[in-house]
């Protein structure tokens, strides 16, 4: 059943989507809904399913009356034993869930709106000397500037990628990323040595030299500047996620080889 589900979703990624203007799915999600061209497109508001809970009901942060986030994190990660899933699901369940989440939501930061998370005194990693003065900085989410003006119009974050399960994690949600990932040969996507994802270098290889032309990727590891490039900028967050991205690129290219063999007269498009 799981295999059928995964193949079905892959097929959805690879099928063209009929839009109001042409026969190809738009890279930014616009016109996927012919009656509402902006629904689910890049820059559209997130579809909030629960009541927003701002401090002032409009836009200010809330949570002063809730447990400290760092204390919650420490409590969860201090568990010493494994907790087996009651449905006997493997770790692939959360890995696949993260991949799908990254296909439908990405909220950018507002760089000048920084909030502190207070660190409990004698925190093992952030305040071993017990100063009680340490904090972790986080940035607030980008939002629609037309919101956050009143109780009836609270602040609403915007999505930086398409909200559709459309393979944007493989192909991107903007023209620059989508074009960079292509080889323009037999419809294939770029790869690096070992049939891995391409790197953000001049030639896409790990030792190819730095370039500013490659699409931006999140940099989760301080001091490391060479990363895999994928349709979603978070593809390097963990090896599990990177491997799923790699599998989809390989499957795309495998299907390209199959189609090229059946239709030798077809061009890259």
C-alpha atoms as a PDB file:
ATOM      1  CA  UNK A   1       0.000   0.000   0.000  1.00  0.00           C
ATOM      2  CA  UNK A   2       2.783   2.439   0.930  1.00  0.00           C
ATOM      3  CA  UNK A   3       4.588   1.651  -2.323  1.00  0.00           C
ATOM      4  CA  UNK A   4       1.428   2.335  -4.320  1.00  0.00           C
ATOM      5  CA  UNK A   5       0.984   5.634  -2.471  1.00  0.00           C
ATOM      6  CA  UNK A   6       4.538   6.731  -3.212  1.00  0.00           C
ATOM      7  CA  UNK A   7       4.304   5.790  -6.897  1.00  0.00           C
ATOM      8  CA  UNK A   8       0.975   7.601  -7.178  1.00  0.00           C
ATOM      9  CA  UNK A   9       2.415  10.772  -5.693  1.00  0.00           C
ATOM     10  CA  UNK A  10       5.442  10.559  -7.989  1.00  0.00           C
ATOM     11  CA  UNK A  11       3.119  10.209 -10.962  1.00  0.00           C
ATOM     12  CA  UNK A  12       1.303  13.345  -9.810  1.00  0.00           C
ATOM     13  CA  UNK A  13       4.636  15.183  -9.727  1.00  0.00           C
ATOM     14  CA  UNK A  14       5.504  14.181 -13.274  1.00  0.00           C
ATOM     15  CA  UNK A  15       2.164  14.656 -15.020  1.00  0.00           C
ATOM     16  CA  UNK A  16       1.486  17.958 -16.799  1.00  0.00           C
ATOM     17  CA  UNK A  17      -1.278  20.028 -15.242  1.00  0.00           C
ATOM     18  CA  UNK A  18      -3.872  21.836 -17.347  1.00  0.00           C
ATOM     19  CA  UNK A  19      -3.949  25.548 -16.476  1.00  0.00           C
ATOM     20  CA  UNK A  20      -5.989  28.456 -17.734  1.00  0.00           C
ATOM     21  CA  UNK A  21      -3.204  29.667 -20.026  1.00  0.00           C
ATOM     22  CA  UNK A  22      -1.314  26.632 -21.287  1.00  0.00           C
ATOM     23  CA  UNK A  23      -0.917  22.892 -20.956  1.00  0.00           C
ATOM     24  CA  UNK A  24       2.009  22.943 -18.520  1.00  0.00           C
ATOM     25  CA  UNK A  25       1.869  23.374 -14.781  1.00  0.00           C
ATOM     26  CA  UNK A  26       3.184  26.812 -13.756  1.00  0.00           C
ATOM     27  CA  UNK A  27       6.358  26.678 -11.699  1.00  0.00           C
ATOM     28  CA  UNK A  28       5.020  29.166  -9.112  1.00  0.00           C
ATOM     29  CA  UNK A  29       1.597  27.537  -8.705  1.00  0.00           C
ATOM     30  CA  UNK A  30      -0.345  30.352 -10.352  1.00  0.00           C
ATOM     31  CA  UNK A  31      -3.361  29.386 -12.465  1.00  0.00           C
ATOM     32  CA  UNK A  32      -3.408  25.867 -11.024  1.00  0.00           C
ATOM     33  CA  UNK A  33      -6.920  26.818  -9.965  1.00  0.00           C
ATOM     34  CA  UNK A  34      -8.374  28.444 -13.122  1.00  0.00           C
ATOM     35  CA  UNK A  35     -11.036  30.318 -11.146  1.00  0.00           C
ATOM     36  CA  UNK A  36      -8.649  31.587  -8.470  1.00  0.00           C
ATOM     37  CA  UNK A  37      -5.286  32.115 -10.171  1.00  0.00           C
ATOM     38  CA  UNK A  38      -3.397  33.012  -6.969  1.00  0.00           C
ATOM     39  CA  UNK A  39      -4.624  30.189  -4.738  1.00  0.00           C
ATOM     40  CA  UNK A  40      -1.667  28.124  -3.593  1.00  0.00           C
ATOM     41  CA  UNK A  41       0.839  30.192  -5.553  1.00  0.00           C
ATOM     42  CA  UNK A  42       4.143  31.595  -4.321  1.00  0.00           C
ATOM     43  CA  UNK A  43       3.507  34.575  -2.042  1.00  0.00           C
ATOM     44  CA  UNK A  44      -0.072  33.658  -1.180  1.00  0.00           C
ATOM     45  CA  UNK A  45      -1.314  33.590   2.402  1.00  0.00           C
ATOM     46  CA  UNK A  46      -1.086  30.374   4.378  1.00  0.00           C
ATOM     47  CA  UNK A  47      -4.457  28.681   4.802  1.00  0.00           C
ATOM     48  CA  UNK A  48      -4.807  28.912   8.585  1.00  0.00           C
ATOM     49  CA  UNK A  49      -6.990  26.108   9.994  1.00  0.00           C
ATOM     50  CA  UNK A  50      -6.919  27.147  13.668  1.00  0.00           C
ATOM     51  CA  UNK A  51      -7.622  30.498  15.348  1.00  0.00           C
ATOM     52  CA  UNK A  52      -4.623  32.833  15.387  1.00  0.00           C
ATOM     53  CA  UNK A  53      -3.468  33.552  18.941  1.00  0.00           C
ATOM     54  CA  UNK A  54      -1.425  36.752  18.949  1.00  0.00           C
ATOM     55  CA  UNK A  55      -0.769  38.516  22.232  1.00  0.00           C
ATOM     56  CA  UNK A  56      -2.893  41.498  21.253  1.00  0.00           C
ATOM     57  CA  UNK A  57      -5.084  39.534  18.863  1.00  0.00           C
ATOM     58  CA  UNK A  58      -3.490  41.356  15.931  1.00  0.00           C
ATOM     59  CA  UNK A  59       0.239  40.734  15.535  1.00  0.00           C
ATOM     60  CA  UNK A  60       2.282  40.758  18.753  1.00  0.00           C
ATOM     61  CA  UNK A  61       3.927  37.499  19.945  1.00  0.00           C
ATOM     62  CA  UNK A  62       2.139  35.431  22.571  1.00  0.00           C
ATOM     63  CA  UNK A  63       3.285  32.709  24.951  1.00  0.00           C
ATOM     64  CA  UNK A  64       4.369  34.558  28.092  1.00  0.00           C
ATOM     65  CA  UNK A  65       2.041  32.323  30.117  1.00  0.00           C
ATOM     66  CA  UNK A  66       3.303  29.090  28.514  1.00  0.00           C
ATOM     67  CA  UNK A  67       6.238  26.831  29.462  1.00  0.00           C
ATOM     68  CA  UNK A  68       9.685  27.945  28.301  1.00  0.00           C
ATOM     69  CA  UNK A  69      10.452  26.427  24.851  1.00  0.00           C
ATOM     70  CA  UNK A  70      14.000  25.471  25.826  1.00  0.00           C
ATOM     71  CA  UNK A  71      12.760  23.636  28.932  1.00  0.00           C
ATOM     72  CA  UNK A  72      10.335  21.659  26.769  1.00  0.00           C
ATOM     73  CA  UNK A  73      13.116  20.822  24.306  1.00  0.00           C
ATOM     74  CA  UNK A  74      15.442  19.663  27.088  1.00  0.00           C
ATOM     75  CA  UNK A  75      12.715  17.495  28.622  1.00  0.00           C
ATOM     76  CA  UNK A  76      11.949  15.780  25.320  1.00  0.00           C
ATOM     77  CA  UNK A  77      15.561  15.119  24.406  1.00  0.00           C
ATOM     78  CA  UNK A  78      16.506  13.849  27.869  1.00  0.00           C
ATOM     79  CA  UNK A  79      14.565  10.628  27.217  1.00  0.00           C
ATOM     80  CA  UNK A  80      16.952   7.709  27.573  1.00  0.00           C
ATOM     81  CA  UNK A  81      15.006   4.930  25.870  1.00  0.00           C
ATOM     82  CA  UNK A  82      13.264   4.338  22.579  1.00  0.00           C
ATOM     83  CA  UNK A  83       9.531   4.857  22.244  1.00  0.00           C
ATOM     84  CA  UNK A  84       8.137   2.451  19.677  1.00  0.00           C
ATOM     85  CA  UNK A  85       5.437   3.685  17.340  1.00  0.00           C
ATOM     86  CA  UNK A  86       2.047   2.238  18.297  1.00  0.00           C
ATOM     87  CA  UNK A  87       1.280   1.619  14.601  1.00  0.00           C
ATOM     88  CA  UNK A  88       4.651  -0.040  13.951  1.00  0.00           C
ATOM     89  CA  UNK A  89       5.699   2.721  11.564  1.00  0.00           C
ATOM     90  CA  UNK A  90       9.393   3.102  10.817  1.00  0.00           C
ATOM     91  CA  UNK A  91      11.428   6.304  10.904  1.00  0.00           C
ATOM     92  CA  UNK A  92      10.700   6.672   7.196  1.00  0.00           C
ATOM     93  CA  UNK A  93       7.275   7.943   8.247  1.00  0.00           C
ATOM     94  CA  UNK A  94       8.609  11.208   9.646  1.00  0.00           C
ATOM     95  CA  UNK A  95      11.202  11.504   6.862  1.00  0.00           C
ATOM     96  CA  UNK A  96       8.501  11.238   4.212  1.00  0.00           C
ATOM     97  CA  UNK A  97       6.326  13.617   6.218  1.00  0.00           C
ATOM     98  CA  UNK A  98       9.089  16.216   6.271  1.00  0.00           C
ATOM     99  CA  UNK A  99       9.608  15.877   2.516  1.00  0.00           C
ATOM    100  CA  UNK A 100       5.889  16.425   1.840  1.00  0.00           C
ATOM    101  CA  UNK A 101       5.786  19.324   4.310  1.00  0.00           C
ATOM    102  CA  UNK A 102       8.677  20.916   2.421  1.00  0.00           C
ATOM    103  CA  UNK A 103       6.723  20.496  -0.817  1.00  0.00           C
ATOM    104  CA  UNK A 104       3.784  22.583   0.386  1.00  0.00           C
ATOM    105  CA  UNK A 105       5.048  25.130   2.938  1.00  0.00           C
ATOM    106  CA  UNK A 106       8.034  27.424   3.414  1.00  0.00           C
ATOM    107  CA  UNK A 107       7.842  30.629   5.415  1.00  0.00           C
ATOM    108  CA  UNK A 108      10.730  33.070   5.162  1.00  0.00           C
ATOM    109  CA  UNK A 109      12.106  35.129   8.053  1.00  0.00           C
ATOM    110  CA  UNK A 110      11.682  38.830   8.748  1.00  0.00           C
ATOM    111  CA  UNK A 111      15.289  39.749   9.471  1.00  0.00           C
ATOM    112  CA  UNK A 112      14.545  42.855  11.536  1.00  0.00           C
ATOM    113  CA  UNK A 113      11.994  41.136  13.787  1.00  0.00           C
ATOM    114  CA  UNK A 114      14.085  39.104  16.219  1.00  0.00           C
ATOM    115  CA  UNK A 115      12.697  37.474  19.363  1.00  0.00           C
ATOM    116  CA  UNK A 116      14.696  35.986  22.276  1.00  0.00           C
ATOM    117  CA  UNK A 117      14.050  32.574  23.829  1.00  0.00           C
ATOM    118  CA  UNK A 118      15.242  32.729  27.434  1.00  0.00           C
ATOM    119  CA  UNK A 119      17.714  29.999  28.380  1.00  0.00           C
ATOM    120  CA  UNK A 120      17.306  28.427  31.842  1.00  0.00           C
ATOM    121  CA  UNK A 121      20.328  28.942  34.091  1.00  0.00           C
ATOM    122  CA  UNK A 122      22.896  26.105  33.936  1.00  0.00           C
ATOM    123  CA  UNK A 123      21.610  24.861  30.598  1.00  0.00           C
ATOM    124  CA  UNK A 124      24.195  22.261  29.549  1.00  0.00           C
ATOM    125  CA  UNK A 125      24.863  23.739  26.110  1.00  0.00           C
ATOM    126  CA  UNK A 126      23.947  27.415  26.239  1.00  0.00           C
ATOM    127  CA  UNK A 127      24.556  28.503  29.851  1.00  0.00           C
ATOM    128  CA  UNK A 128      26.863  26.016  31.611  1.00  0.00           C
ATOM    129  CA  UNK A 129      28.106  28.729  33.996  1.00  0.00           C
ATOM    130  CA  UNK A 130      24.608  29.529  35.215  1.00  0.00           C
ATOM    131  CA  UNK A 131      24.518  33.228  34.338  1.00  0.00           C
ATOM    132  CA  UNK A 132      20.796  33.179  33.651  1.00  0.00           C
ATOM    133  CA  UNK A 133      21.399  35.831  30.989  1.00  0.00           C
ATOM    134  CA  UNK A 134      21.616  33.699  27.844  1.00  0.00           C
ATOM    135  CA  UNK A 135      19.044  33.496  25.077  1.00  0.00           C
ATOM    136  CA  UNK A 136      18.454  31.987  21.629  1.00  0.00           C
ATOM    137  CA  UNK A 137      17.404  34.413  18.911  1.00  0.00           C
ATOM    138  CA  UNK A 138      14.659  33.521  16.453  1.00  0.00           C
ATOM    139  CA  UNK A 139      13.190  35.565  13.618  1.00  0.00           C
ATOM    140  CA  UNK A 140       9.507  36.090  13.012  1.00  0.00           C
ATOM    141  CA  UNK A 141       7.802  34.777   9.902  1.00  0.00           C
ATOM    142  CA  UNK A 142       7.265  36.888   6.793  1.00  0.00           C
ATOM    143  CA  UNK A 143       3.649  38.007   6.463  1.00  0.00           C
ATOM    144  CA  UNK A 144       1.233  39.660   4.096  1.00  0.00           C
ATOM    145  CA  UNK A 145       1.723  43.420   4.681  1.00  0.00           C
ATOM    146  CA  UNK A 146      -1.985  43.921   4.048  1.00  0.00           C
ATOM    147  CA  UNK A 147      -2.694  41.995   7.270  1.00  0.00           C
ATOM    148  CA  UNK A 148      -1.966  42.694  10.935  1.00  0.00           C
ATOM    149  CA  UNK A 149      -3.946  45.920  11.059  1.00  0.00           C
ATOM    150  CA  UNK A 150      -6.817  45.043  13.405  1.00  0.00           C
ATOM    151  CA  UNK A 151      -8.575  42.293  15.357  1.00  0.00           C
ATOM    152  CA  UNK A 152     -10.614  41.566  12.243  1.00  0.00           C
ATOM    153  CA  UNK A 153      -7.478  41.457  10.092  1.00  0.00           C
ATOM    154  CA  UNK A 154      -4.729  39.683  12.084  1.00  0.00           C
ATOM    155  CA  UNK A 155      -1.228  39.095  10.761  1.00  0.00           C
ATOM    156  CA  UNK A 156      -1.086  36.144   8.323  1.00  0.00           C
ATOM    157  CA  UNK A 157       2.189  34.519   7.150  1.00  0.00           C
ATOM    158  CA  UNK A 158       2.797  33.991   3.436  1.00  0.00           C
ATOM    159  CA  UNK A 159       4.058  30.904   1.649  1.00  0.00           C
ATOM    160  CA  UNK A 160       7.373  31.176  -0.225  1.00  0.00           C
ATOM    161  CA  UNK A 161       6.648  28.069  -2.346  1.00  0.00           C
ATOM    162  CA  UNK A 162       3.598  26.494  -3.975  1.00  0.00           C
ATOM    163  CA  UNK A 163       0.993  24.980  -1.672  1.00  0.00           C
ATOM    164  CA  UNK A 164       0.303  22.108  -4.069  1.00  0.00           C
ATOM    165  CA  UNK A 165       1.832  18.634  -3.843  1.00  0.00           C
ATOM    166  CA  UNK A 166       3.434  19.275  -7.210  1.00  0.00           C
ATOM    167  CA  UNK A 167       7.037  18.192  -6.810  1.00  0.00           C
ATOM    168  CA  UNK A 168       8.340  21.677  -6.044  1.00  0.00           C
ATOM    169  CA  UNK A 169      10.824  20.003  -3.712  1.00  0.00           C
ATOM    170  CA  UNK A 170      12.277  18.359  -6.824  1.00  0.00           C
ATOM    171  CA  UNK A 171      11.801  21.055  -9.468  1.00  0.00           C
ATOM    172  CA  UNK A 172      11.576  24.317  -7.517  1.00  0.00           C
ATOM    173  CA  UNK A 173       8.965  27.049  -7.188  1.00  0.00           C
ATOM    174  CA  UNK A 174      10.675  29.757  -9.258  1.00  0.00           C
ATOM    175  CA  UNK A 175      12.128  29.994 -12.758  1.00  0.00           C
ATOM    176  CA  UNK A 176      15.747  30.516 -11.700  1.00  0.00           C
ATOM    177  CA  UNK A 177      15.906  27.374  -9.581  1.00  0.00           C
ATOM    178  CA  UNK A 178      13.935  25.308 -12.093  1.00  0.00           C
ATOM    179  CA  UNK A 179      16.208  26.310 -14.980  1.00  0.00           C
ATOM    180  CA  UNK A 180      19.426  25.788 -12.998  1.00  0.00           C
ATOM    181  CA  UNK A 181      18.398  22.242 -12.086  1.00  0.00           C
ATOM    182  CA  UNK A 182      17.886  21.238 -15.727  1.00  0.00           C
ATOM    183  CA  UNK A 183      20.522  19.754 -18.030  1.00  0.00           C
ATOM    184  CA  UNK A 184      18.545  20.670 -21.165  1.00  0.00           C
ATOM    185  CA  UNK A 185      19.426  17.225 -22.503  1.00  0.00           C
ATOM    186  CA  UNK A 186      16.628  14.665 -22.908  1.00  0.00           C
ATOM    187  CA  UNK A 187      14.603  16.342 -20.166  1.00  0.00           C
ATOM    188  CA  UNK A 188      16.992  15.301 -17.418  1.00  0.00           C
ATOM    189  CA  UNK A 189      17.837  16.984 -14.141  1.00  0.00           C
ATOM    190  CA  UNK A 190      21.398  17.807 -13.121  1.00  0.00           C
ATOM    191  CA  UNK A 191      23.347  15.377 -10.953  1.00  0.00           C
ATOM    192  CA  UNK A 192      26.904  15.157  -9.656  1.00  0.00           C
ATOM    193  CA  UNK A 193      29.401  12.290  -9.493  1.00  0.00           C
ATOM    194  CA  UNK A 194      27.878   9.160  -7.977  1.00  0.00           C
ATOM    195  CA  UNK A 195      24.437  10.096  -9.312  1.00  0.00           C
ATOM    196  CA  UNK A 196      23.961  12.462  -6.386  1.00  0.00           C
ATOM    197  CA  UNK A 197      22.306  15.870  -6.279  1.00  0.00           C
ATOM    198  CA  UNK A 198      24.327  18.666  -7.915  1.00  0.00           C
ATOM    199  CA  UNK A 199      26.414  20.948  -5.716  1.00  0.00           C
ATOM    200  CA  UNK A 200      26.203  24.744  -5.566  1.00  0.00           C
ATOM    201  CA  UNK A 201      29.456  25.115  -7.499  1.00  0.00           C
ATOM    202  CA  UNK A 202      30.507  26.291 -10.965  1.00  0.00           C
ATOM    203  CA  UNK A 203      30.160  22.844 -12.528  1.00  0.00           C
ATOM    204  CA  UNK A 204      27.855  21.210  -9.986  1.00  0.00           C
ATOM    205  CA  UNK A 205      30.586  18.961  -8.569  1.00  0.00           C
ATOM    206  CA  UNK A 206      31.823  19.041  -4.979  1.00  0.00           C
ATOM    207  CA  UNK A 207      35.196  20.525  -5.972  1.00  0.00           C
ATOM    208  CA  UNK A 208      33.821  22.799  -8.700  1.00  0.00           C
ATOM    209  CA  UNK A 209      34.573  26.129  -7.029  1.00  0.00           C
ATOM    210  CA  UNK A 210      32.199  28.639  -5.479  1.00  0.00           C
ATOM    211  CA  UNK A 211      29.626  30.468  -7.576  1.00  0.00           C
ATOM    212  CA  UNK A 212      26.845  32.918  -6.835  1.00  0.00           C
ATOM    213  CA  UNK A 213      24.772  31.711  -9.771  1.00  0.00           C
ATOM    214  CA  UNK A 214      23.525  28.548  -8.058  1.00  0.00           C
ATOM    215  CA  UNK A 215      20.155  28.800  -6.285  1.00  0.00           C
ATOM    216  CA  UNK A 216      20.395  29.681  -2.616  1.00  0.00           C
ATOM    217  CA  UNK A 217      20.307  26.792  -0.154  1.00  0.00           C
ATOM    218  CA  UNK A 218      19.845  26.935   3.603  1.00  0.00           C
ATOM    219  CA  UNK A 219      23.211  26.540   5.310  1.00  0.00           C
ATOM    220  CA  UNK A 220      22.641  24.423   8.442  1.00  0.00           C
ATOM    221  CA  UNK A 221      26.320  23.774   9.189  1.00  0.00           C
ATOM    222  CA  UNK A 222      28.568  26.718  10.216  1.00  0.00           C
ATOM    223  CA  UNK A 223      31.723  27.043   8.151  1.00  0.00           C
ATOM    224  CA  UNK A 224      30.480  24.770   5.345  1.00  0.00           C
ATOM    225  CA  UNK A 225      29.823  26.522   2.035  1.00  0.00           C
ATOM    226  CA  UNK A 226      29.361  23.612  -0.398  1.00  0.00           C
ATOM    227  CA  UNK A 227      25.898  22.074  -0.408  1.00  0.00           C
ATOM    228  CA  UNK A 228      23.587  19.963  -2.510  1.00  0.00           C
ATOM    229  CA  UNK A 229      21.115  21.955  -4.616  1.00  0.00           C
ATOM    230  CA  UNK A 230      17.512  20.769  -4.904  1.00  0.00           C
ATOM    231  CA  UNK A 231      14.077  22.159  -5.627  1.00  0.00           C
ATOM    232  CA  UNK A 232      13.682  23.108  -1.967  1.00  0.00           C
ATOM    233  CA  UNK A 233      16.371  25.090  -0.104  1.00  0.00           C
ATOM    234  CA  UNK A 234      16.090  22.875   3.004  1.00  0.00           C
ATOM    235  CA  UNK A 235      17.293  19.685   1.290  1.00  0.00           C
ATOM    236  CA  UNK A 236      20.502  19.603   3.362  1.00  0.00           C
ATOM    237  CA  UNK A 237      18.838  19.634   6.774  1.00  0.00           C
ATOM    238  CA  UNK A 238      19.565  15.955   7.417  1.00  0.00           C
ATOM    239  CA  UNK A 239      20.832  12.914   5.465  1.00  0.00           C
ATOM    240  CA  UNK A 240      17.373  11.310   5.443  1.00  0.00           C
ATOM    241  CA  UNK A 241      15.848  14.306   3.677  1.00  0.00           C
ATOM    242  CA  UNK A 242      18.759  14.609   1.232  1.00  0.00           C
ATOM    243  CA  UNK A 243      18.381  10.940   0.306  1.00  0.00           C
ATOM    244  CA  UNK A 244      14.682  11.323  -0.543  1.00  0.00           C
ATOM    245  CA  UNK A 245      15.475  14.316  -2.751  1.00  0.00           C
ATOM    246  CA  UNK A 246      18.149  12.213  -4.448  1.00  0.00           C
ATOM    247  CA  UNK A 247      15.765   9.313  -5.072  1.00  0.00           C
ATOM    248  CA  UNK A 248      13.231  11.553  -6.802  1.00  0.00           C
ATOM    249  CA  UNK A 249      15.871  13.103  -9.071  1.00  0.00           C
ATOM    250  CA  UNK A 250      17.116   9.623  -9.994  1.00  0.00           C
ATOM    251  CA  UNK A 251      13.570   8.457 -10.703  1.00  0.00           C
ATOM    252  CA  UNK A 252      12.925  11.508 -12.872  1.00  0.00           C
ATOM    253  CA  UNK A 253      16.048  10.779 -14.926  1.00  0.00           C
ATOM    254  CA  UNK A 254      15.195   7.073 -15.142  1.00  0.00           C
ATOM    255  CA  UNK A 255      11.827   7.930 -16.632  1.00  0.00           C
ATOM    256  CA  UNK A 256      13.554  10.322 -19.047  1.00  0.00           C
ATOM    257  CA  UNK A 257      15.752   7.466 -20.296  1.00  0.00           C
ATOM    258  CA  UNK A 258      12.698   5.270 -20.718  1.00  0.00           C
ATOM    259  CA  UNK A 259      10.815   7.931 -22.673  1.00  0.00           C
ATOM    260  CA  UNK A 260      13.855   8.721 -24.839  1.00  0.00           C
ATOM    261  CA  UNK A 261      14.144   5.054 -25.787  1.00  0.00           C
ATOM    262  CA  UNK A 262      10.474   4.909 -26.790  1.00  0.00           C
ATOM    263  CA  UNK A 263      10.444   8.298 -28.521  1.00  0.00           C
ATOM    264  CA  UNK A 264      13.896   9.049 -29.990  1.00  0.00           C
ATOM    265  CA  UNK A 265      12.439  11.965 -31.958  1.00  0.00           C
ATOM    266  CA  UNK A 266      11.373  13.876 -28.829  1.00  0.00           C
ATOM    267  CA  UNK A 267      13.371  16.973 -27.855  1.00  0.00           C
ATOM    268  CA  UNK A 268      14.273  18.167 -24.363  1.00  0.00           C
ATOM    269  CA  UNK A 269      10.907  19.805 -23.811  1.00  0.00           C
END
